[in-house]
Structures are given as structure tokens and as C-alpha cells.
């Protein structure tokens, strides 16, 4: 992903989140190896839902039960 400004970068439990802001105000996210450029809240929600669905086997409750 190429953008002009790196806005944020978080690494939690093996899932890396990168957010880049482009000059046209669209935002690119890379989460757990999946990336998307979004320009609306709806697009972001759809992307996050897709990432969660594709990676849900990596999410665990504190008692280690897989979701």
C-alpha cells in the first residue's frame, strides 16, 4: 500500500493494522494481511466484517475457546 502519510500502526497479538491517509482523503487499511482503500464508513465496516470473517479462527476468548 502506498500513501503519502502514515497515520497509525498497531501490532496486537500477531495482527498488524496499518492506516494510510491519501491526499483525496480516502484511507487505506491493512489488517492481518488484507488491505482495502475506503472512502466511507460503510466501506470500512464491510472491510472489517470481511477481515473478521476470514480470520475469526484467530480470535479467542480469555478461556481460549475459539469463537
Protein backbone atom coordinates (compact mmCIF):
# COMPACT_ATOMS: atom_id res chain seq x y z
CA UNK A 1 0.00 0.00 0.00
CA UNK A 2 1.40 3.37 -0.94
CA UNK A 3 0.14 6.57 0.62
CA UNK A 4 1.53 9.96 1.43
CA UNK A 5 1.02 9.92 5.17
CA UNK A 6 1.36 7.02 7.57
CA UNK A 7 -1.30 7.73 10.15
CA UNK A 8 -1.14 4.80 12.51
CA UNK A 9 0.42 1.43 13.01
CA UNK A 10 -0.57 -1.11 15.67
CA UNK A 11 0.63 -4.66 16.19
CA UNK A 12 -1.52 -6.68 18.59
CA UNK A 13 -1.26 -10.42 19.02
CA UNK A 14 0.17 -11.09 15.57
CA UNK A 15 -2.45 -8.98 13.78
CA UNK A 16 -0.84 -5.88 12.31
CA UNK A 17 -3.01 -2.87 11.49
CA UNK A 18 -1.74 -0.11 9.19
CA UNK A 19 -3.69 3.01 8.24
CA UNK A 20 -2.60 5.33 5.41
CA UNK A 21 -4.35 8.60 4.52
CA UNK A 22 -4.30 9.65 0.85
CA UNK A 23 -4.49 13.25 -0.48
CA UNK A 24 -8.07 12.67 -1.69
CA UNK A 25 -8.97 11.82 1.94
CA UNK A 26 -9.55 8.14 1.21
CA UNK A 27 -7.99 5.86 3.78
CA UNK A 28 -6.19 2.57 3.16
CA UNK A 29 -6.12 -0.12 5.80
CA UNK A 30 -4.09 -3.28 6.00
CA UNK A 31 -5.26 -5.70 8.66
CA UNK A 32 -3.97 -9.23 9.07
CA UNK A 33 -2.52 -9.20 5.55
CA UNK A 34 -5.72 -7.94 3.91
CA UNK A 35 -5.90 -4.43 2.51
CA UNK A 36 -8.52 -2.01 1.21
CA UNK A 37 -8.82 1.68 0.40
CA UNK A 38 -12.09 3.07 1.71
CA UNK A 39 -13.79 6.43 1.35
CA UNK A 40 -16.88 5.89 3.50
CA UNK A 41 -17.82 4.41 6.84
CA UNK A 42 -19.93 1.76 5.07
CA UNK A 43 -16.93 0.59 3.03
CA UNK A 44 -14.81 0.41 6.19
CA UNK A 45 -17.49 -1.60 8.02
CA UNK A 46 -17.73 -4.04 5.09
CA UNK A 47 -13.95 -4.45 5.02
CA UNK A 48 -13.73 -5.02 8.78
CA UNK A 49 -16.55 -7.57 8.62
CA UNK A 50 -14.75 -9.42 5.81
CA UNK A 51 -11.44 -9.44 7.72
CA UNK A 52 -13.16 -10.73 10.85
CA UNK A 53 -14.98 -13.45 8.91
CA UNK A 54 -11.78 -14.59 7.18
CA UNK A 55 -9.67 -14.53 10.35
CA UNK A 56 -12.17 -15.43 13.06
CA UNK A 57 -10.31 -18.62 13.90
CA UNK A 58 -7.52 -16.41 15.28
CA UNK A 59 -9.81 -14.65 17.77
CA UNK A 60 -10.11 -16.28 21.18
CA UNK A 61 -11.93 -15.65 24.41
CA UNK A 62 -9.83 -15.35 27.54
CA UNK A 63 -10.61 -19.00 28.37
CA UNK A 64 -9.01 -19.95 24.99
CA UNK A 65 -12.27 -21.14 23.44
CA UNK A 66 -12.17 -20.38 19.71
CA UNK A 67 -15.08 -18.25 18.52
